């Protein structure tokens, strides 16, 4: 049965940090069934699983997964993350969930070599082995700005991890930003999809006062790199640099389901045709609205697209 979940984002930030309790309140009040955990501040719960389970039970919410970013080009960082992932696996299993969601691989400013890609795939295979040994499905979340964000190299990843049982989480907005067709990608890898991110995007609506007026900015190429935590930015070729996830600026580009340019009807129809049985999660990187309004609109539009039976 398809169920709808919501990924925790930075939208609940306040003067004290991320208001996790408020986030759970608002996600539950608007009618969602599950929550995807995905931020460093939540690492506290890796050692306080019973406390987290009580919070989720109080809100009548399930855990969909705990997302993990992988440092695929640094062996020392990867070893450290591997230990954290083992803790996440314990947490995920304790909730009865079966997905380990992964992505990663920051691009080297000097470029990514064939050796880098090969080594990264070997690391992902190790995650696959660890996941399957714990009865979890290792699931790759494609993300623009990572080393696997183009169609040819993404195919390389999928082809070289098929035997190891790497699953896929298609993300409609991230696929679009990476230059891939969301529907065609879902069709191509339908037998390997275990988890789905749906989110919408607005094209040519990148409202940023810092864009140079004499530059024609490709909406797919606003990749960004922060120069400091103090917020010092600069231009790099035709790109304005900023500090979004994986140095990708989602502000004014990501929007609520069915408010942007993604054609969800054929995507939803195909998801239903393939008898997908799992979590559909909205990963709202940015919203210009109050959280409650964004949550409400996303869920109502999802239910409209999938039909009242959901």
C-alpha atoms as a PDB file:
ATOM      1  CA  UNK A   1       0.000   0.000   0.000  1.00  0.00           C
ATOM      2  CA  UNK A   2       1.242   3.456  -0.897  1.00  0.00           C
ATOM      3  CA  UNK A   3       1.738   5.735   2.090  1.00  0.00           C
ATOM      4  CA  UNK A   4       2.692   9.404   2.167  1.00  0.00           C
ATOM      5  CA  UNK A   5       5.627  10.677   4.203  1.00  0.00           C
ATOM      6  CA  UNK A   6       7.419  13.971   4.670  1.00  0.00           C
ATOM      7  CA  UNK A   7      11.165  14.530   4.884  1.00  0.00           C
ATOM      8  CA  UNK A   8      12.406  16.787   7.646  1.00  0.00           C
ATOM      9  CA  UNK A   9      13.929  19.927   6.178  1.00  0.00           C
ATOM     10  CA  UNK A  10      15.476  23.110   7.502  1.00  0.00           C
ATOM     11  CA  UNK A  11      12.140  24.908   7.257  1.00  0.00           C
ATOM     12  CA  UNK A  12      11.614  24.487  11.011  1.00  0.00           C
ATOM     13  CA  UNK A  13      14.690  26.475  11.932  1.00  0.00           C
ATOM     14  CA  UNK A  14      14.394  28.986  14.764  1.00  0.00           C
ATOM     15  CA  UNK A  15      16.741  30.907  17.063  1.00  0.00           C
ATOM     16  CA  UNK A  16      17.469  27.738  19.011  1.00  0.00           C
ATOM     17  CA  UNK A  17      18.152  25.563  15.963  1.00  0.00           C
ATOM     18  CA  UNK A  18      15.781  23.034  14.438  1.00  0.00           C
ATOM     19  CA  UNK A  19      12.501  22.646  16.267  1.00  0.00           C
ATOM     20  CA  UNK A  20      12.082  18.890  15.865  1.00  0.00           C
ATOM     21  CA  UNK A  21       9.075  18.659  18.187  1.00  0.00           C
ATOM     22  CA  UNK A  22       7.224  21.388  16.319  1.00  0.00           C
ATOM     23  CA  UNK A  23       8.029  19.638  13.047  1.00  0.00           C
ATOM     24  CA  UNK A  24       6.483  16.387  14.278  1.00  0.00           C
ATOM     25  CA  UNK A  25       3.431  18.298  15.556  1.00  0.00           C
ATOM     26  CA  UNK A  26       2.796  19.989  12.219  1.00  0.00           C
ATOM     27  CA  UNK A  27       3.479  16.902  10.096  1.00  0.00           C
ATOM     28  CA  UNK A  28       1.044  14.895  12.214  1.00  0.00           C
ATOM     29  CA  UNK A  29      -1.623  17.599  12.362  1.00  0.00           C
ATOM     30  CA  UNK A  30      -1.753  17.882   8.577  1.00  0.00           C
ATOM     31  CA  UNK A  31      -2.332  14.148   8.166  1.00  0.00           C
ATOM     32  CA  UNK A  32       0.941  12.616   6.978  1.00  0.00           C
ATOM     33  CA  UNK A  33       1.722   9.003   7.840  1.00  0.00           C
ATOM     34  CA  UNK A  34       5.491   9.038   8.155  1.00  0.00           C
ATOM     35  CA  UNK A  35       8.661  11.053   8.557  1.00  0.00           C
ATOM     36  CA  UNK A  36      12.038  10.731   6.876  1.00  0.00           C
ATOM     37  CA  UNK A  37      14.881  11.717   9.196  1.00  0.00           C
ATOM     38  CA  UNK A  38      17.794  13.330   7.468  1.00  0.00           C
ATOM     39  CA  UNK A  39      19.770  15.887   9.445  1.00  0.00           C
ATOM     40  CA  UNK A  40      22.822  15.949  11.677  1.00  0.00           C
ATOM     41  CA  UNK A  41      20.979  17.354  14.663  1.00  0.00           C
ATOM     42  CA  UNK A  42      18.942  14.148  14.784  1.00  0.00           C
ATOM     43  CA  UNK A  43      22.031  12.027  15.490  1.00  0.00           C
ATOM     44  CA  UNK A  44      21.132  12.406  19.159  1.00  0.00           C
ATOM     45  CA  UNK A  45      18.410   9.836  18.628  1.00  0.00           C
ATOM     46  CA  UNK A  46      20.861   7.203  17.399  1.00  0.00           C
ATOM     47  CA  UNK A  47      21.636   6.670  21.086  1.00  0.00           C
ATOM     48  CA  UNK A  48      18.103   7.439  22.339  1.00  0.00           C
ATOM     49  CA  UNK A  49      15.979   5.185  20.144  1.00  0.00           C
ATOM     50  CA  UNK A  50      13.326   4.485  22.770  1.00  0.00           C
ATOM     51  CA  UNK A  51      12.798   8.222  23.283  1.00  0.00           C
ATOM     52  CA  UNK A  52      12.334   8.672  19.541  1.00  0.00           C
ATOM     53  CA  UNK A  53       9.898   5.750  19.350  1.00  0.00           C
ATOM     54  CA  UNK A  54       7.765   7.341  22.068  1.00  0.00           C
ATOM     55  CA  UNK A  55       7.717  10.637  20.149  1.00  0.00           C
ATOM     56  CA  UNK A  56       6.633   8.943  16.933  1.00  0.00           C
ATOM     57  CA  UNK A  57       3.976   6.908  18.729  1.00  0.00           C
ATOM     58  CA  UNK A  58       2.651  10.069  20.401  1.00  0.00           C
ATOM     59  CA  UNK A  59       2.239  11.660  16.964  1.00  0.00           C
ATOM     60  CA  UNK A  60       0.935   8.464  15.296  1.00  0.00           C
ATOM     61  CA  UNK A  61       3.767   8.623  12.779  1.00  0.00           C
ATOM     62  CA  UNK A  62       6.036   5.951  11.305  1.00  0.00           C
ATOM     63  CA  UNK A  63       9.680   6.280  10.375  1.00  0.00           C
ATOM     64  CA  UNK A  64      10.167   5.923   6.615  1.00  0.00           C
ATOM     65  CA  UNK A  65      13.985   5.852   6.772  1.00  0.00           C
ATOM     66  CA  UNK A  66      17.023   7.717   8.050  1.00  0.00           C
ATOM     67  CA  UNK A  67      18.863   9.328   5.129  1.00  0.00           C
ATOM     68  CA  UNK A  68      22.659   9.086   4.913  1.00  0.00           C
ATOM     69  CA  UNK A  69      25.063  11.171   2.892  1.00  0.00           C
ATOM     70  CA  UNK A  70      28.247   9.377   1.886  1.00  0.00           C
ATOM     71  CA  UNK A  71      31.717  10.859   1.448  1.00  0.00           C
ATOM     72  CA  UNK A  72      32.650   8.714  -1.499  1.00  0.00           C
ATOM     73  CA  UNK A  73      35.957  10.349  -2.400  1.00  0.00           C
ATOM     74  CA  UNK A  74      37.616  10.311   1.034  1.00  0.00           C
ATOM     75  CA  UNK A  75      38.440   6.962   2.628  1.00  0.00           C
ATOM     76  CA  UNK A  76      38.821   8.301   6.183  1.00  0.00           C
ATOM     77  CA  UNK A  77      35.528  10.190   6.062  1.00  0.00           C
ATOM     78  CA  UNK A  78      33.822   7.147   4.581  1.00  0.00           C
ATOM     79  CA  UNK A  79      35.060   4.920   7.411  1.00  0.00           C
ATOM     80  CA  UNK A  80      33.670   7.386   9.941  1.00  0.00           C
ATOM     81  CA  UNK A  81      30.314   7.548   8.146  1.00  0.00           C
ATOM     82  CA  UNK A  82      30.201   3.763   7.944  1.00  0.00           C
ATOM     83  CA  UNK A  83      30.111   3.590  11.738  1.00  0.00           C
ATOM     84  CA  UNK A  84      27.286   6.152  11.810  1.00  0.00           C
ATOM     85  CA  UNK A  85      25.357   4.205   9.182  1.00  0.00           C
ATOM     86  CA  UNK A  86      25.563   1.091  11.348  1.00  0.00           C
ATOM     87  CA  UNK A  87      23.856   3.061  14.127  1.00  0.00           C
ATOM     88  CA  UNK A  88      21.233   4.293  11.669  1.00  0.00           C
ATOM     89  CA  UNK A  89      20.589   0.726  10.558  1.00  0.00           C
ATOM     90  CA  UNK A  90      19.872  -0.252  14.160  1.00  0.00           C
ATOM     91  CA  UNK A  91      17.443   2.664  14.475  1.00  0.00           C
ATOM     92  CA  UNK A  92      15.695   1.922  11.182  1.00  0.00           C
ATOM     93  CA  UNK A  93      15.274  -1.763  12.037  1.00  0.00           C
ATOM     94  CA  UNK A  94      13.905  -0.943  15.490  1.00  0.00           C
ATOM     95  CA  UNK A  95      11.040   0.934  13.787  1.00  0.00           C
ATOM     96  CA  UNK A  96      10.283  -1.941  11.434  1.00  0.00           C
ATOM     97  CA  UNK A  97      11.309   0.088   8.366  1.00  0.00           C
ATOM     98  CA  UNK A  98      13.251  -1.538   5.537  1.00  0.00           C
ATOM     99  CA  UNK A  99      14.911   1.301   3.569  1.00  0.00           C
ATOM    100  CA  UNK A 100      18.436   2.691   3.972  1.00  0.00           C
ATOM    101  CA  UNK A 101      18.443   5.866   1.882  1.00  0.00           C
ATOM    102  CA  UNK A 102      21.837   6.993   0.625  1.00  0.00           C
ATOM    103  CA  UNK A 103      23.434   9.445  -1.762  1.00  0.00           C
ATOM    104  CA  UNK A 104      26.577  11.509  -1.846  1.00  0.00           C
ATOM    105  CA  UNK A 105      29.896  12.091  -3.459  1.00  0.00           C
ATOM    106  CA  UNK A 106      30.782  15.760  -3.541  1.00  0.00           C
ATOM    107  CA  UNK A 107      32.417  16.796  -6.775  1.00  0.00           C
ATOM    108  CA  UNK A 108      36.098  17.569  -6.638  1.00  0.00           C
ATOM    109  CA  UNK A 109      36.727  21.131  -7.912  1.00  0.00           C
ATOM    110  CA  UNK A 110      39.501  19.647 -10.073  1.00  0.00           C
ATOM    111  CA  UNK A 111      37.106  17.159 -11.605  1.00  0.00           C
ATOM    112  CA  UNK A 112      36.127  13.537 -10.996  1.00  0.00           C
ATOM    113  CA  UNK A 113      38.355  10.876 -12.488  1.00  0.00           C
ATOM    114  CA  UNK A 114      37.413   7.383 -13.667  1.00  0.00           C
ATOM    115  CA  UNK A 115      39.293   6.059 -10.661  1.00  0.00           C
ATOM    116  CA  UNK A 116      37.162   8.253  -8.359  1.00  0.00           C
ATOM    117  CA  UNK A 117      33.974   6.832  -9.867  1.00  0.00           C
ATOM    118  CA  UNK A 118      35.231   3.261  -9.617  1.00  0.00           C
ATOM    119  CA  UNK A 119      36.260   3.706  -5.964  1.00  0.00           C
ATOM    120  CA  UNK A 120      32.918   5.354  -5.174  1.00  0.00           C
ATOM    121  CA  UNK A 121      31.002   2.430  -6.661  1.00  0.00           C
ATOM    122  CA  UNK A 122      33.072  -0.001  -4.576  1.00  0.00           C
ATOM    123  CA  UNK A 123      32.143   1.931  -1.429  1.00  0.00           C
ATOM    124  CA  UNK A 124      28.462   1.838  -2.399  1.00  0.00           C
ATOM    125  CA  UNK A 125      28.743  -1.929  -2.882  1.00  0.00           C
ATOM    126  CA  UNK A 126      30.010  -2.194   0.706  1.00  0.00           C
ATOM    127  CA  UNK A 127      26.928  -0.306   1.880  1.00  0.00           C
ATOM    128  CA  UNK A 128      24.760  -2.681  -0.148  1.00  0.00           C
ATOM    129  CA  UNK A 129      26.325  -5.717   1.507  1.00  0.00           C
ATOM    130  CA  UNK A 130      25.889  -4.180   4.957  1.00  0.00           C
ATOM    131  CA  UNK A 131      22.260  -3.275   4.236  1.00  0.00           C
ATOM    132  CA  UNK A 132      21.234  -6.651   2.849  1.00  0.00           C
ATOM    133  CA  UNK A 133      22.896  -8.450   5.765  1.00  0.00           C
ATOM    134  CA  UNK A 134      20.515  -6.444   7.972  1.00  0.00           C
ATOM    135  CA  UNK A 135      17.445  -7.119   5.791  1.00  0.00           C
ATOM    136  CA  UNK A 136      17.342  -3.510   4.548  1.00  0.00           C
ATOM    137  CA  UNK A 137      17.111  -2.251   0.979  1.00  0.00           C
ATOM    138  CA  UNK A 138      20.051   0.019   0.104  1.00  0.00           C
ATOM    139  CA  UNK A 139      18.383   2.750  -1.927  1.00  0.00           C
ATOM    140  CA  UNK A 140      20.161   5.411  -3.968  1.00  0.00           C
ATOM    141  CA  UNK A 141      18.654   8.900  -3.889  1.00  0.00           C
ATOM    142  CA  UNK A 142      19.737  10.718  -7.021  1.00  0.00           C
ATOM    143  CA  UNK A 143      20.762  14.291  -6.174  1.00  0.00           C
ATOM    144  CA  UNK A 144      21.852  17.100  -8.441  1.00  0.00           C
ATOM    145  CA  UNK A 145      25.275  18.393  -7.422  1.00  0.00           C
ATOM    146  CA  UNK A 146      26.738  14.996  -6.532  1.00  0.00           C
ATOM    147  CA  UNK A 147      29.227  13.042  -8.626  1.00  0.00           C
ATOM    148  CA  UNK A 148      26.432  10.837 -10.071  1.00  0.00           C
ATOM    149  CA  UNK A 149      24.135  13.622 -11.273  1.00  0.00           C
ATOM    150  CA  UNK A 150      24.381  13.134 -15.046  1.00  0.00           C
ATOM    151  CA  UNK A 151      22.556  10.484 -17.031  1.00  0.00           C
ATOM    152  CA  UNK A 152      25.602   8.631 -18.339  1.00  0.00           C
ATOM    153  CA  UNK A 153      27.405   8.364 -15.005  1.00  0.00           C
ATOM    154  CA  UNK A 154      24.150   7.554 -13.207  1.00  0.00           C
ATOM    155  CA  UNK A 155      23.676   4.651 -15.620  1.00  0.00           C
ATOM    156  CA  UNK A 156      27.242   3.567 -14.839  1.00  0.00           C
ATOM    157  CA  UNK A 157      26.341   3.465 -11.138  1.00  0.00           C
ATOM    158  CA  UNK A 158      23.135   1.498 -11.693  1.00  0.00           C
ATOM    159  CA  UNK A 159      24.704  -0.983 -14.107  1.00  0.00           C
ATOM    160  CA  UNK A 160      27.614  -1.715 -11.766  1.00  0.00           C
ATOM    161  CA  UNK A 161      25.498  -2.219  -8.655  1.00  0.00           C
ATOM    162  CA  UNK A 162      22.669  -4.345 -10.047  1.00  0.00           C
ATOM    163  CA  UNK A 163      24.170  -7.617  -8.810  1.00  0.00           C
ATOM    164  CA  UNK A 164      24.719  -6.056  -5.386  1.00  0.00           C
ATOM    165  CA  UNK A 165      21.027  -5.162  -5.160  1.00  0.00           C
ATOM    166  CA  UNK A 166      21.183  -1.350  -5.089  1.00  0.00           C
ATOM    167  CA  UNK A 167      17.653   0.061  -5.253  1.00  0.00           C
ATOM    168  CA  UNK A 168      16.588   3.495  -6.466  1.00  0.00           C
ATOM    169  CA  UNK A 169      14.719   6.430  -5.021  1.00  0.00           C
ATOM    170  CA  UNK A 170      13.803   8.648  -7.977  1.00  0.00           C
ATOM    171  CA  UNK A 171      13.391  12.297  -7.020  1.00  0.00           C
ATOM    172  CA  UNK A 172      11.395  14.143  -9.647  1.00  0.00           C
ATOM    173  CA  UNK A 173      12.947  17.577  -9.089  1.00  0.00           C
ATOM    174  CA  UNK A 174      16.507  16.284  -8.709  1.00  0.00           C
ATOM    175  CA  UNK A 175      16.145  14.216 -11.882  1.00  0.00           C
ATOM    176  CA  UNK A 176      14.927  17.262 -13.781  1.00  0.00           C
ATOM    177  CA  UNK A 177      17.786  19.419 -12.487  1.00  0.00           C
ATOM    178  CA  UNK A 178      20.225  16.684 -13.496  1.00  0.00           C
ATOM    179  CA  UNK A 179      18.924  16.811 -17.061  1.00  0.00           C
ATOM    180  CA  UNK A 180      17.034  13.518 -16.864  1.00  0.00           C
ATOM    181  CA  UNK A 181      13.396  12.881 -17.633  1.00  0.00           C
ATOM    182  CA  UNK A 182      11.665  11.798 -14.391  1.00  0.00           C
ATOM    183  CA  UNK A 183       9.035   9.601 -16.049  1.00  0.00           C
ATOM    184  CA  UNK A 184      11.479   7.851 -18.392  1.00  0.00           C
ATOM    185  CA  UNK A 185      13.872   7.196 -15.509  1.00  0.00           C
ATOM    186  CA  UNK A 186      11.111   5.697 -13.395  1.00  0.00           C
ATOM    187  CA  UNK A 187      10.043   3.496 -16.296  1.00  0.00           C
ATOM    188  CA  UNK A 188      13.602   2.358 -16.984  1.00  0.00           C
ATOM    189  CA  UNK A 189      14.336   1.369 -13.388  1.00  0.00           C
ATOM    190  CA  UNK A 190      10.836   0.388 -12.275  1.00  0.00           C
ATOM    191  CA  UNK A 191      12.012  -3.008 -11.013  1.00  0.00           C
ATOM    192  CA  UNK A 192      14.614  -1.388  -8.739  1.00  0.00           C
ATOM    193  CA  UNK A 193      12.477   1.356  -7.174  1.00  0.00           C
ATOM    194  CA  UNK A 194      11.890   0.888  -3.453  1.00  0.00           C
ATOM    195  CA  UNK A 195      11.145   4.444  -2.329  1.00  0.00           C
ATOM    196  CA  UNK A 196      10.043   7.634  -4.120  1.00  0.00           C
ATOM    197  CA  UNK A 197      10.606  11.359  -3.618  1.00  0.00           C
ATOM    198  CA  UNK A 198       8.089  13.597  -5.345  1.00  0.00           C
ATOM    199  CA  UNK A 199       8.652  17.326  -5.486  1.00  0.00           C
ATOM    200  CA  UNK A 200       7.982  20.109  -7.940  1.00  0.00           C
ATOM    201  CA  UNK A 201      10.130  22.821  -9.447  1.00  0.00           C
ATOM    202  CA  UNK A 202       9.668  26.186 -11.131  1.00  0.00           C
ATOM    203  CA  UNK A 203      11.779  26.835 -14.214  1.00  0.00           C
ATOM    204  CA  UNK A 204      13.210  30.278 -15.012  1.00  0.00           C
ATOM    205  CA  UNK A 205      11.953  31.638 -11.733  1.00  0.00           C
ATOM    206  CA  UNK A 206      15.252  31.801  -9.900  1.00  0.00           C
ATOM    207  CA  UNK A 207      14.643  35.120  -8.143  1.00  0.00           C
ATOM    208  CA  UNK A 208      17.999  36.254  -6.843  1.00  0.00           C
ATOM    209  CA  UNK A 209      19.004  39.896  -6.638  1.00  0.00           C
ATOM    210  CA  UNK A 210      22.652  38.922  -6.938  1.00  0.00           C
ATOM    211  CA  UNK A 211      22.412  37.471 -10.439  1.00  0.00           C
ATOM    212  CA  UNK A 212      24.380  39.481 -12.939  1.00  0.00           C
ATOM    213  CA  UNK A 213      21.948  41.185 -15.339  1.00  0.00           C
ATOM    214  CA  UNK A 214      24.282  40.606 -18.282  1.00  0.00           C
ATOM    215  CA  UNK A 215      24.399  36.867 -17.719  1.00  0.00           C
ATOM    216  CA  UNK A 216      21.975  34.318 -19.123  1.00  0.00           C
ATOM    217  CA  UNK A 217      21.618  31.856 -16.284  1.00  0.00           C
ATOM    218  CA  UNK A 218      20.798  28.264 -17.137  1.00  0.00           C
ATOM    219  CA  UNK A 219      18.269  27.194 -14.465  1.00  0.00           C
ATOM    220  CA  UNK A 220      19.819  23.722 -14.470  1.00  0.00           C
ATOM    221  CA  UNK A 221      23.312  25.097 -13.806  1.00  0.00           C
ATOM    222  CA  UNK A 222      23.078  27.217 -10.692  1.00  0.00           C
ATOM    223  CA  UNK A 223      25.490  25.048  -8.774  1.00  0.00           C
ATOM    224  CA  UNK A 224      26.875  26.708  -5.710  1.00  0.00           C
ATOM    225  CA  UNK A 225      29.819  26.715  -3.365  1.00  0.00           C
ATOM    226  CA  UNK A 226      29.977  28.646  -0.086  1.00  0.00           C
ATOM    227  CA  UNK A 227      33.287  30.342   0.560  1.00  0.00           C
ATOM    228  CA  UNK A 228      32.683  30.603   4.285  1.00  0.00           C
ATOM    229  CA  UNK A 229      30.094  29.926   6.946  1.00  0.00           C
ATOM    230  CA  UNK A 230      29.743  33.696   7.305  1.00  0.00           C
ATOM    231  CA  UNK A 231      27.981  33.798   3.958  1.00  0.00           C
ATOM    232  CA  UNK A 232      30.647  35.174   1.632  1.00  0.00           C
ATOM    233  CA  UNK A 233      29.741  34.341  -1.939  1.00  0.00           C
ATOM    234  CA  UNK A 234      31.200  34.870  -5.362  1.00  0.00           C
ATOM    235  CA  UNK A 235      30.493  34.123  -9.003  1.00  0.00           C
ATOM    236  CA  UNK A 236      31.981  31.107 -10.721  1.00  0.00           C
ATOM    237  CA  UNK A 237      31.631  31.410 -14.482  1.00  0.00           C
ATOM    238  CA  UNK A 238      27.868  31.782 -15.043  1.00  0.00           C
ATOM    239  CA  UNK A 239      26.867  30.475 -11.630  1.00  0.00           C
ATOM    240  CA  UNK A 240      26.025  32.363  -8.488  1.00  0.00           C
ATOM    241  CA  UNK A 241      27.464  30.642  -5.444  1.00  0.00           C
ATOM    242  CA  UNK A 242      25.408  30.004  -2.354  1.00  0.00           C
ATOM    243  CA  UNK A 243      25.147  27.443   0.429  1.00  0.00           C
ATOM    244  CA  UNK A 244      22.317  25.060  -0.419  1.00  0.00           C
ATOM    245  CA  UNK A 245      22.388  21.288   0.019  1.00  0.00           C
ATOM    246  CA  UNK A 246      25.349  19.922  -1.994  1.00  0.00           C
ATOM    247  CA  UNK A 247      25.862  23.589  -2.900  1.00  0.00           C
ATOM    248  CA  UNK A 248      22.606  23.597  -4.813  1.00  0.00           C
ATOM    249  CA  UNK A 249      20.348  26.595  -4.365  1.00  0.00           C
ATOM    250  CA  UNK A 250      16.755  25.444  -4.028  1.00  0.00           C
ATOM    251  CA  UNK A 251      15.421  28.836  -2.999  1.00  0.00           C
ATOM    252  CA  UNK A 252      12.646  30.044  -5.303  1.00  0.00           C
ATOM    253  CA  UNK A 253      13.032  26.949  -7.467  1.00  0.00           C
ATOM    254  CA  UNK A 254      11.540  24.083  -5.450  1.00  0.00           C
ATOM    255  CA  UNK A 255       7.802  24.488  -4.971  1.00  0.00           C
ATOM    256  CA  UNK A 256       4.832  22.499  -3.691  1.00  0.00           C
ATOM    257  CA  UNK A 257       3.448  19.493  -5.573  1.00  0.00           C
ATOM    258  CA  UNK A 258       1.444  20.475  -8.688  1.00  0.00           C
ATOM    259  CA  UNK A 259       2.450  24.147  -8.437  1.00  0.00           C
ATOM    260  CA  UNK A 260       5.432  23.845 -10.769  1.00  0.00           C
ATOM    261  CA  UNK A 261       6.354  22.403 -14.139  1.00  0.00           C
ATOM    262  CA  UNK A 262       6.663  18.673 -13.337  1.00  0.00           C
ATOM    263  CA  UNK A 263       3.884  16.783 -15.098  1.00  0.00           C
ATOM    264  CA  UNK A 264       2.834  14.475 -12.279  1.00  0.00           C
ATOM    265  CA  UNK A 265      -0.204  12.857 -13.881  1.00  0.00           C
ATOM    266  CA  UNK A 266       1.669  10.391 -16.139  1.00  0.00           C
ATOM    267  CA  UNK A 267       4.218   9.777 -13.361  1.00  0.00           C
ATOM    268  CA  UNK A 268       1.498   8.958 -10.842  1.00  0.00           C
ATOM    269  CA  UNK A 269      -0.378   6.824 -13.362  1.00  0.00           C
ATOM    270  CA  UNK A 270       2.745   4.768 -14.018  1.00  0.00           C
ATOM    271  CA  UNK A 271       3.514   4.415 -10.303  1.00  0.00           C
ATOM    272  CA  UNK A 272       0.017   3.001  -9.855  1.00  0.00           C
ATOM    273  CA  UNK A 273       0.396   0.748 -12.923  1.00  0.00           C
ATOM    274  CA  UNK A 274       3.630  -0.737 -11.551  1.00  0.00           C
ATOM    275  CA  UNK A 275       1.751  -1.533  -8.322  1.00  0.00           C
ATOM    276  CA  UNK A 276       4.306   0.315  -6.237  1.00  0.00           C
ATOM    277  CA  UNK A 277       3.958  -0.649  -2.600  1.00  0.00           C
ATOM    278  CA  UNK A 278       5.899   1.704  -0.386  1.00  0.00           C
ATOM    279  CA  UNK A 279       6.554   5.258   0.710  1.00  0.00           C
ATOM    280  CA  UNK A 280       5.929   8.337  -1.426  1.00  0.00           C
ATOM    281  CA  UNK A 281       7.836  11.110   0.345  1.00  0.00           C
ATOM    282  CA  UNK A 282       7.838  14.855  -0.243  1.00  0.00           C
ATOM    283  CA  UNK A 283      11.316  16.250   0.312  1.00  0.00           C
ATOM    284  CA  UNK A 284      10.514  19.988   0.335  1.00  0.00           C
ATOM    285  CA  UNK A 285      13.948  21.618   0.190  1.00  0.00           C
ATOM    286  CA  UNK A 286      12.417  25.075   0.167  1.00  0.00           C
ATOM    287  CA  UNK A 287       9.055  26.708   0.677  1.00  0.00           C
ATOM    288  CA  UNK A 288       7.988  30.317   0.535  1.00  0.00           C
ATOM    289  CA  UNK A 289       4.954  29.525   2.686  1.00  0.00           C
ATOM    290  CA  UNK A 290       4.341  28.742   6.317  1.00  0.00           C
ATOM    291  CA  UNK A 291       5.174  25.127   7.058  1.00  0.00           C
ATOM    292  CA  UNK A 292       1.590  24.179   7.867  1.00  0.00           C
ATOM    293  CA  UNK A 293       0.350  25.583   4.550  1.00  0.00           C
ATOM    294  CA  UNK A 294       3.085  23.839   2.589  1.00  0.00           C
ATOM    295  CA  UNK A 295       2.403  20.540   4.348  1.00  0.00           C
ATOM    296  CA  UNK A 296      -1.332  20.835   3.779  1.00  0.00           C
ATOM    297  CA  UNK A 297      -1.087  21.760   0.090  1.00  0.00           C
ATOM    298  CA  UNK A 298       1.423  19.005  -0.670  1.00  0.00           C
ATOM    299  CA  UNK A 299      -0.704  16.301   0.933  1.00  0.00           C
ATOM    300  CA  UNK A 300      -3.971  17.485  -0.608  1.00  0.00           C
ATOM    301  CA  UNK A 301      -2.421  17.605  -4.076  1.00  0.00           C
ATOM    302  CA  UNK A 302      -0.840  14.169  -3.631  1.00  0.00           C
ATOM    303  CA  UNK A 303      -4.184  12.681  -2.612  1.00  0.00           C
ATOM    304  CA  UNK A 304      -5.878  14.389  -5.542  1.00  0.00           C
ATOM    305  CA  UNK A 305      -3.278  12.972  -7.973  1.00  0.00           C
ATOM    306  CA  UNK A 306      -3.399   9.439  -6.564  1.00  0.00           C
ATOM    307  CA  UNK A 307      -7.132   9.341  -5.911  1.00  0.00           C
ATOM    308  CA  UNK A 308      -9.254   9.426  -2.812  1.00  0.00           C
ATOM    309  CA  UNK A 309      -8.437   5.812  -1.900  1.00  0.00           C
ATOM    310  CA  UNK A 310      -5.138   7.135  -0.614  1.00  0.00           C
END
